[in-house]
Amino acid sequence: MSRIITATFVLLFAASGAVRAEPTIAAATPDETPAQASPAVESGPVAFDFALIGDFPYTEEDLERMPALLADLGAAPGLAFLVHLGDIHGKLESPGCSDLLYQSRIDGLVGTGLPWVITPGDNDWTDCDGSEGTTLERLAAFRRMFHPNPGRSWGPGGFALRHQGDIPGYEPFIENAIWERDGVVFATLHMVQPAMRAVRQGDAEGEAYKAVLRDAARAWLGVAFDHAEAIDARGVFLATQASLWPNSARPDFNYYVNPGIAEPSEFMAPFVADLLDRTRRFRRPVVLANGDTHYFRIDKPLADEARAMLENFTRVEGFGSPHGHWVWVRVEPERAEVFSFRQEIVEDNRFTLTPPDQRPPRVETGWEGLMRAVRAVRLATPALALVGASTLFAGTLVVLRWIWRAVRGRL
């Protein structure tokens, strides 16, 4: 099946060729005009820059900071496009997952004046409050509104995309896209982690669909690498919402000090195995960008069977709530490492330079509340174990004393 998918995709991609973005007038929907091929450049591939954002806004404070973030992106010079890593809102925002909310986020991104591509997050369809329909109904609405023309990116100067929905058997997955620029291949992969919240709400259908998404992403990952190898690409850049390594450090160190802490979840293990295989075979730089845990970092968590760091792989995670900042990615195809990164701190969105007791009170997000509960349970567990052991010890003493008295009474 994977060979059929790859062959179909290669034929489709070859029929159109790579496209470079050219500025036009901003529109509220993806530009329908045919993309113009870039003129040949004798000097070879040209360096370019793009932006990474995601997991923002979540709270009322985030909503107040959102205009500054969008303005900063719009004012940044020379950005070729923007990649959104999903989670366009938090669980506390109301109305959650509504068409009105979706449209407001689309309008904000279009207002940056940049071409942009988005991969959905769990907050965007599976973690909704149910007031706007089932999770799969909201996913259908997200696809309809954010991917009305899946063959093109959003924004002015939109560029051509190849999407998985063109592949027989994968028609629903229009959000999984591939594009190419100056010999570098980009791909979005819609994946979200399983969540107890959905199970508690009885959303078995939505939860089961996450495995379908993961398997579609595995197939699309293969297509992306097959295409990169076919064109002798300088590098591969992958974007998804799901954090495959929420906790990361040296794999060999973790193995001995805290086994399993940095391992991918059992759910994501098949995808990570594919990623390891294809990255190692590709040999050139591969970057995986993710959101999910709201912690800006650049690290190398993908390890081989001997728990050694895979040298040509890098993970970059974007900022997220409550931090309204973004990541600048520099792509230099002629440079061996190809990709480099820098943080872009939005001046108006700084708030941690003020001591906590001098800041306005903020609403705790659902994630923070969950972490507090987990910490409370972890702290309580040793105490409960001590109480249990003490009770057992005291009970044992009572029994032994009773036996001793019974024995003495017979002597």
Protein backbone atom coordinates (compact mmCIF):
# COMPACT_ATOMS: atom_id res chain seq x y z
CA MET A 1 0.00 0.00 0.00
CA SER A 2 2.84 2.41 0.90
CA ARG A 3 4.38 1.94 -2.57
CA ILE A 4 1.07 2.81 -4.19
CA ILE A 5 0.76 5.92 -2.01
CA THR A 6 4.31 7.02 -2.83
CA ALA A 7 3.98 6.39 -6.56
CA THR A 8 0.70 8.29 -6.71
CA PHE A 9 2.14 11.21 -4.82
CA VAL A 10 5.31 11.41 -6.92
CA LEU A 11 3.24 11.57 -10.10
CA LEU A 12 1.05 14.30 -8.64
CA PHE A 13 4.01 16.31 -7.40
CA ALA A 14 5.94 15.99 -10.62
CA ALA A 15 2.96 17.31 -12.53
CA SER A 16 3.08 20.66 -10.75
CA GLY A 17 6.67 21.35 -9.70
CA ALA A 18 7.90 23.38 -6.72
CA VAL A 19 6.41 26.81 -6.11
CA ARG A 20 7.88 29.92 -4.51
CA ALA A 21 5.69 32.48 -2.73
CA GLU A 22 5.15 35.86 -4.39
CA PRO A 23 3.36 38.69 -2.52
CA THR A 24 -0.16 39.64 -3.59
CA ILE A 25 -3.15 41.34 -1.95
CA ALA A 26 -4.33 39.69 1.29
CA ALA A 27 -7.57 37.74 1.07
CA ALA A 28 -9.94 36.11 3.53
CA THR A 29 -9.66 32.77 1.74
CA PRO A 30 -6.72 30.96 0.13
CA ASP A 31 -5.65 32.57 -3.14
CA GLU A 32 -7.28 30.70 -6.03
CA THR A 33 -4.98 32.09 -8.72
CA PRO A 34 -2.46 29.66 -10.22
CA ALA A 35 0.95 29.88 -8.58
CA GLN A 36 3.75 31.21 -10.73
CA ALA A 37 6.94 29.19 -10.92
CA SER A 38 10.02 30.98 -9.63
CA PRO A 39 12.59 32.01 -12.22
CA ALA A 40 15.65 29.83 -12.35
CA VAL A 41 18.44 30.98 -10.07
CA GLU A 42 21.87 30.14 -11.38
CA SER A 43 23.51 30.49 -7.97
CA GLY A 44 21.45 27.57 -6.60
CA PRO A 45 19.05 27.39 -3.66
CA VAL A 46 18.46 30.63 -1.77
CA ALA A 47 18.33 31.00 2.03
CA PHE A 48 14.98 32.00 3.52
CA ASP A 49 13.20 32.42 6.86
CA PHE A 50 9.84 31.46 8.34
CA ALA A 51 7.98 31.61 11.66
CA LEU A 52 6.66 29.01 14.10
CA ILE A 53 3.75 29.67 16.47
CA GLY A 54 1.14 27.61 18.30
CA ASP A 55 -0.71 26.84 21.55
CA PHE A 56 -1.88 30.43 21.91
CA PRO A 57 -4.12 32.13 23.05
CA TYR A 58 -5.60 30.13 25.94
CA THR A 59 -6.77 32.66 28.52
CA GLU A 60 -8.17 36.20 28.75
CA GLU A 61 -4.64 37.44 29.35
CA ASP A 62 -3.48 35.61 26.23
CA LEU A 63 -6.28 37.17 24.19
CA GLU A 64 -5.06 40.61 25.29
CA ARG A 65 -1.54 39.71 24.14
CA MET A 66 -2.58 38.13 20.83
CA PRO A 67 -2.66 41.41 18.82
CA ALA A 68 0.94 42.14 19.80
CA LEU A 69 2.03 38.68 18.68
CA LEU A 70 0.29 39.00 15.33
CA ALA A 71 1.65 42.52 14.81
CA ASP A 72 5.17 41.35 15.59
CA LEU A 73 4.86 38.58 13.01
CA GLY A 74 3.49 40.99 10.43
CA ALA A 75 6.31 43.47 11.01
CA ALA A 76 9.12 40.88 10.87
CA PRO A 77 11.14 41.46 7.69
CA GLY A 78 11.68 38.78 5.09
CA LEU A 79 9.53 35.93 6.40
CA ALA A 80 8.57 33.54 3.59
CA PHE A 81 5.67 31.96 5.48
CA LEU A 82 4.30 30.95 8.88
CA VAL A 83 3.67 27.45 10.27
CA HIS A 84 1.06 27.12 13.01
CA LEU A 85 1.53 24.05 15.24
CA GLY A 86 -2.11 23.86 16.36
CA ASP A 87 -4.17 24.62 19.47
CA ILE A 88 -5.68 27.91 18.38
CA HIS A 89 -7.47 28.34 21.72
CA GLY A 90 -7.69 27.02 25.27
CA LYS A 91 -10.33 24.82 26.81
CA LEU A 92 -11.68 27.69 28.94
CA GLU A 93 -12.52 29.97 26.02
CA SER A 94 -16.22 30.23 25.19
CA PRO A 95 -17.80 29.40 22.85
CA GLY A 96 -15.27 26.61 22.43
CA CYS A 97 -14.58 25.19 18.97
CA SER A 98 -17.29 27.28 17.34
CA ASP A 99 -17.25 28.39 13.72
CA LEU A 100 -17.13 31.97 15.05
CA LEU A 101 -13.95 31.23 17.00
CA TYR A 102 -12.39 29.44 14.02
CA GLN A 103 -13.12 32.42 11.78
CA SER A 104 -11.63 34.90 14.25
CA ARG A 105 -8.37 32.95 14.30
CA ILE A 106 -8.32 32.72 10.50
CA ASP A 107 -8.83 36.48 10.24
CA GLY A 108 -6.00 37.14 12.68
CA LEU A 109 -3.54 34.94 10.80
CA VAL A 110 -4.54 36.41 7.43
CA GLY A 111 -3.99 39.85 8.95
CA THR A 112 -0.28 39.14 9.40
CA GLY A 113 0.13 39.45 5.63
CA LEU A 114 2.04 36.15 5.54
CA PRO A 115 1.30 32.90 3.73
CA TRP A 116 0.53 30.29 6.38
CA VAL A 117 -0.11 26.60 6.96
CA ILE A 118 -1.67 25.00 10.04
CA THR A 119 -1.78 21.51 11.53
CA PRO A 120 -4.64 20.93 14.02
CA GLY A 121 -4.18 20.52 17.75
CA ASP A 122 -6.24 18.54 20.23
CA ASN A 123 -7.88 21.70 21.62
CA ASP A 124 -9.14 22.47 18.12
CA TRP A 125 -11.51 19.50 17.91
CA THR A 126 -11.10 16.67 20.42
CA ASP A 127 -10.98 18.66 23.68
CA CYS A 128 -14.05 20.78 22.95
CA ASP A 129 -16.89 21.11 25.46
CA GLY A 130 -19.44 19.45 23.18
CA SER A 131 -21.68 22.50 22.88
CA GLU A 132 -20.88 22.84 19.17
CA GLY A 133 -21.21 19.16 18.25
CA THR A 134 -19.25 15.94 18.61
CA THR A 135 -15.48 15.89 18.31
CA LEU A 136 -15.56 14.42 14.82
CA GLU A 137 -18.13 17.02 13.76
CA ARG A 138 -15.80 19.76 14.99
CA LEU A 139 -12.86 18.18 13.17
CA ALA A 140 -14.93 18.21 9.99
CA ALA A 141 -15.72 21.88 10.59
CA PHE A 142 -12.05 22.67 11.24
CA ARG A 143 -11.07 20.97 8.00
CA ARG A 144 -13.79 22.80 6.11
CA MET A 145 -12.85 26.24 7.44
CA PHE A 146 -9.05 26.01 7.71
CA HIS A 147 -8.55 23.93 4.55
CA PRO A 148 -11.19 25.15 2.07
CA ASN A 149 -8.63 24.86 -0.72
CA PRO A 150 -6.21 22.19 0.50
CA GLY A 151 -4.06 22.56 -2.59
CA ARG A 152 -2.87 26.02 -1.50
CA SER A 153 -1.61 27.73 1.62
CA TRP A 154 -3.49 30.61 3.19
CA GLY A 155 -2.57 34.27 2.99
CA PRO A 156 -1.18 36.57 0.33
CA GLY A 157 1.18 34.98 -2.13
CA GLY A 158 -0.09 31.54 -1.15
CA PHE A 159 1.94 28.63 -2.48
CA ALA A 160 0.98 25.22 -3.82
CA LEU A 161 0.59 22.28 -1.45
CA ARG A 162 0.25 18.56 -1.99
CA HIS A 163 -2.12 17.00 0.53
CA GLN A 164 -2.82 13.45 1.62
CA GLY A 165 -6.44 13.73 0.54
CA ASP A 166 -5.21 13.29 -3.04
CA ILE A 167 -4.18 9.73 -2.21
CA PRO A 168 -6.86 7.02 -2.65
CA GLY A 169 -7.91 5.74 0.74
CA TYR A 170 -6.74 8.90 2.55
CA GLU A 171 -9.31 11.37 1.23
CA PRO A 172 -10.30 12.90 4.63
CA PHE A 173 -6.74 13.89 5.58
CA ILE A 174 -6.53 17.17 3.67
CA GLU A 175 -4.71 18.83 6.58
CA ASN A 176 -1.58 16.72 5.99
CA ALA A 177 0.42 18.73 3.47
CA ILE A 178 3.79 18.66 1.71
CA TRP A 179 5.56 21.51 -0.04
CA GLU A 180 9.04 22.24 -1.24
CA ARG A 181 11.20 25.35 -1.30
CA ASP A 182 14.79 25.67 -2.50
CA GLY A 183 15.47 21.96 -2.19
CA VAL A 184 13.99 21.59 1.32
CA VAL A 185 10.88 19.46 1.91
CA PHE A 186 8.23 20.49 4.45
CA ALA A 187 5.39 18.33 5.76
CA THR A 188 2.58 18.73 8.28
CA LEU A 189 1.43 15.67 10.22
CA HIS A 190 -1.85 15.75 12.13
CA MET A 191 -1.25 13.86 15.38
CA VAL A 192 -2.54 14.39 18.90
CA GLN A 193 -1.88 12.41 22.04
CA PRO A 194 -4.57 10.25 23.68
CA ALA A 195 -6.30 12.12 26.49
CA MET A 196 -8.06 10.83 29.57
CA ARG A 197 -10.45 13.78 29.32
CA ALA A 198 -12.06 12.48 26.15
CA VAL A 199 -12.40 9.00 27.65
CA ARG A 200 -14.04 10.39 30.79
CA GLN A 201 -16.56 12.21 28.64
CA GLY A 202 -17.38 8.97 26.87
CA ASP A 203 -16.00 10.13 23.51
CA ALA A 204 -14.80 6.69 22.46
CA GLU A 205 -15.27 7.52 18.77
CA GLY A 206 -13.09 10.63 18.92
CA GLU A 207 -10.46 8.87 20.98
CA ALA A 208 -10.28 5.92 18.58
CA TYR A 209 -9.86 8.33 15.67
CA LYS A 210 -6.54 9.48 17.10
CA ALA A 211 -5.06 6.10 16.17
CA VAL A 212 -6.41 6.56 12.64
CA LEU A 213 -4.68 9.95 12.49
CA ARG A 214 -1.42 8.47 13.74
CA ASP A 215 -1.48 5.73 11.11
CA ALA A 216 -2.25 8.26 8.37
CA ALA A 217 0.67 10.37 9.63
CA ARG A 218 2.96 7.35 9.44
CA ALA A 219 1.99 6.85 5.79
CA TRP A 220 2.46 10.56 5.05
CA LEU A 221 5.86 10.55 6.77
CA GLY A 222 6.94 7.86 4.33
CA VAL A 223 5.69 9.90 1.38
CA ALA A 224 7.60 12.97 2.59
CA PHE A 225 10.88 11.08 2.92
CA ASP A 226 10.38 9.24 -0.36
CA HIS A 227 9.95 12.58 -2.11
CA ALA A 228 12.94 14.10 -0.29
CA GLU A 229 15.12 11.22 -1.40
CA ALA A 230 13.78 11.38 -4.96
CA ILE A 231 14.76 15.05 -5.37
CA ASP A 232 17.96 14.77 -3.31
CA ALA A 233 16.58 17.31 -0.81
CA ARG A 234 18.92 19.30 1.41
CA GLY A 235 16.72 18.75 4.47
CA VAL A 236 13.30 17.77 5.78
CA PHE A 237 11.13 19.84 8.15
CA LEU A 238 8.16 18.14 9.84
CA ALA A 239 5.45 19.92 11.87
CA THR A 240 2.91 18.40 14.26
CA GLN A 241 1.04 19.36 17.42
CA ALA A 242 1.88 16.27 19.48
CA SER A 243 4.98 16.32 21.65
CA LEU A 244 6.62 12.93 21.24
CA TRP A 245 9.07 13.70 24.06
CA PRO A 246 7.37 15.82 26.76
CA ASN A 247 10.39 15.12 28.99
CA SER A 248 13.80 14.99 27.42
CA ALA A 249 17.46 14.83 28.38
CA ARG A 250 20.37 12.58 27.45
CA PRO A 251 18.74 9.24 26.51
CA ASP A 252 21.51 7.16 28.08
CA PHE A 253 21.43 9.28 31.28
CA ASN A 254 17.67 8.91 31.56
CA TYR A 255 17.88 5.17 31.03
CA TYR A 256 19.93 4.73 34.21
CA VAL A 257 18.57 7.56 36.36
CA ASN A 258 14.87 7.58 35.49
CA PRO A 259 14.03 4.81 32.99
CA GLY A 260 11.18 5.56 30.66
CA ILE A 261 10.84 9.27 31.53
CA ALA A 262 12.01 10.40 28.09
CA GLU A 263 10.60 7.51 26.10
CA PRO A 264 7.75 8.20 23.66
CA SER A 265 4.36 6.94 24.72
CA GLU A 266 3.32 3.44 23.71
CA PHE A 267 0.73 5.07 21.47
CA MET A 268 3.37 7.07 19.57
CA ALA A 269 6.08 4.38 19.56
CA PRO A 270 5.24 3.07 16.03
CA PHE A 271 5.54 6.56 14.56
CA VAL A 272 8.82 7.20 16.39
CA ALA A 273 10.21 3.90 15.07
CA ASP A 274 9.37 5.00 11.51
CA LEU A 275 10.90 8.43 12.16
CA LEU A 276 14.12 6.87 13.43
CA ASP A 277 14.39 4.57 10.42
CA ARG A 278 13.72 7.23 7.80
CA THR A 279 15.85 9.92 9.46
CA ARG A 280 18.82 7.59 9.73
CA ARG A 281 18.47 6.50 6.10
CA PHE A 282 18.08 10.10 4.89
CA ARG A 283 21.35 11.14 6.61
CA ARG A 284 20.81 14.85 6.01
CA PRO A 285 19.23 17.27 8.54
CA VAL A 286 15.71 16.49 9.76
CA VAL A 287 13.75 18.78 12.08
CA LEU A 288 10.52 17.94 13.88
CA ALA A 289 8.62 20.97 15.20
CA ASN A 290 5.91 20.41 17.80
CA GLY A 291 3.73 22.31 20.22
CA ASP A 292 1.66 20.68 22.96
CA THR A 293 3.68 21.28 26.14
CA HIS A 294 4.20 25.07 25.80
CA TYR A 295 7.93 24.95 26.50
CA PHE A 296 10.32 26.53 24.02
CA ARG A 297 13.28 24.22 23.47
CA ILE A 298 15.69 22.95 20.88
CA ASP A 299 17.05 19.50 21.61
CA LYS A 300 17.92 16.12 20.14
CA PRO A 301 15.68 13.54 21.85
CA LEU A 302 15.55 10.92 19.06
CA ALA A 303 17.80 8.03 20.07
CA ASP A 304 18.81 4.83 18.34
CA GLU A 305 18.66 1.28 19.68
CA ALA A 306 21.81 1.87 21.74
CA ARG A 307 20.25 5.00 23.29
CA ALA A 308 22.67 7.21 21.36
CA MET A 309 21.54 10.60 20.09
CA LEU A 310 20.71 10.60 16.38
CA GLU A 311 22.98 13.37 15.13
CA ASN A 312 21.04 14.54 12.07
CA PHE A 313 17.75 14.98 13.98
CA THR A 314 16.64 18.07 15.90
CA ARG A 315 13.39 18.84 17.72
CA VAL A 316 12.20 22.43 18.13
CA GLU A 317 9.19 23.23 20.28
CA GLY A 318 7.41 26.54 19.97
CA PHE A 319 6.26 28.87 22.71
CA GLY A 320 2.76 28.46 24.09
CA SER A 321 0.41 29.95 26.65
CA PRO A 322 1.04 32.05 28.68
CA HIS A 323 4.03 33.14 26.57
CA GLY A 324 2.96 35.06 23.45
CA HIS A 325 6.21 34.76 21.51
CA TRP A 326 7.41 32.92 18.41
CA VAL A 327 10.34 31.07 16.86
CA TRP A 328 12.30 32.35 13.87
CA VAL A 329 13.61 29.56 11.63
CA ARG A 330 16.45 30.23 9.21
CA VAL A 331 16.87 27.82 6.29
CA GLU A 332 20.21 27.84 4.46
CA PRO A 333 20.10 25.02 1.90
CA GLU A 334 23.77 25.39 0.97
CA ARG A 335 24.86 25.01 4.60
CA ALA A 336 25.46 21.48 5.87
CA GLU A 337 23.21 21.90 8.94
CA VAL A 338 20.51 23.70 6.84
CA PHE A 339 18.30 24.80 9.79
CA SER A 340 18.94 27.25 12.63
CA PHE A 341 16.60 28.85 15.17
CA ARG A 342 16.22 31.93 17.32
CA GLN A 343 13.62 33.01 19.82
CA GLU A 344 11.56 36.11 19.09
CA ILE A 345 10.35 37.68 22.34
CA VAL A 346 7.44 40.07 21.79
CA GLU A 347 8.26 43.06 23.94
CA ASP A 348 4.65 43.92 24.82
CA ASN A 349 4.02 40.32 25.93
CA ARG A 350 6.78 40.12 28.53
CA PHE A 351 5.42 39.56 32.02
CA THR A 352 7.78 37.31 33.98
CA LEU A 353 10.27 40.16 34.55
CA THR A 354 7.79 41.35 37.18
CA PRO A 355 7.84 39.32 40.43
CA PRO A 356 4.82 37.00 40.76
CA ASP A 357 3.38 38.85 43.77
CA GLN A 358 3.29 42.07 41.73
CA ARG A 359 1.51 40.64 38.69
CA PRO A 360 -2.26 40.75 38.12
CA PRO A 361 -3.91 37.44 39.12
CA ARG A 362 -4.37 35.11 36.20
CA VAL A 363 -6.89 32.37 35.55
CA GLU A 364 -5.42 28.91 35.93
CA THR A 365 -5.69 26.81 32.77
CA GLY A 366 -7.07 23.29 32.77
CA TRP A 367 -3.55 21.95 32.16
CA GLU A 368 -2.17 23.76 35.22
CA GLY A 369 -5.03 22.47 37.34
CA LEU A 370 -4.32 18.92 36.17
CA MET A 371 -0.63 19.28 36.99
CA ARG A 372 -1.47 20.54 40.48
CA ALA A 373 -3.71 17.51 41.00
CA VAL A 374 -0.98 15.15 39.77
CA ARG A 375 1.54 16.78 42.09
CA ALA A 376 -0.86 16.52 45.03
CA VAL A 377 -1.34 12.82 44.37
CA ARG A 378 2.41 12.27 44.06
CA LEU A 379 3.07 14.11 47.31
CA ALA A 380 0.24 12.29 49.08
CA THR A 381 1.27 8.82 47.91
CA PRO A 382 4.32 8.43 50.23
CA ALA A 383 2.30 9.79 53.15
CA LEU A 384 -0.55 7.38 52.45
CA ALA A 385 1.93 4.54 52.10
CA LEU A 386 3.47 5.49 55.46
CA VAL A 387 0.04 5.61 57.09
CA GLY A 388 -0.78 2.23 55.59
CA ALA A 389 2.50 0.72 56.76
CA SER A 390 2.04 2.16 60.24
CA THR A 391 -1.49 0.81 60.42
CA LEU A 392 -0.32 -2.61 59.27
CA PHE A 393 2.52 -2.56 61.80
CA ALA A 394 0.19 -1.54 64.62
CA GLY A 395 -2.28 -4.23 63.63
CA THR A 396 0.47 -6.81 63.53
CA LEU A 397 1.55 -5.83 67.06
CA VAL A 398 -2.03 -6.20 68.31
CA VAL A 399 -2.29 -9.68 66.80
CA LEU A 400 1.07 -10.74 68.19
CA ARG A 401 0.15 -9.46 71.63
CA TRP A 402 -3.13 -11.41 71.52
CA ILE A 403 -1.30 -14.57 70.49
CA TRP A 404 1.26 -14.08 73.24
CA ARG A 405 -1.45 -13.68 75.86
CA ALA A 406 -3.26 -16.76 74.58
CA VAL A 407 -0.09 -18.81 74.72
CA ARG A 408 0.76 -17.59 78.26
CA GLY A 409 -2.74 -18.45 79.42
CA ARG A 410 -2.20 -22.11 78.44
CA LEU A 411 1.18 -22.44 80.11
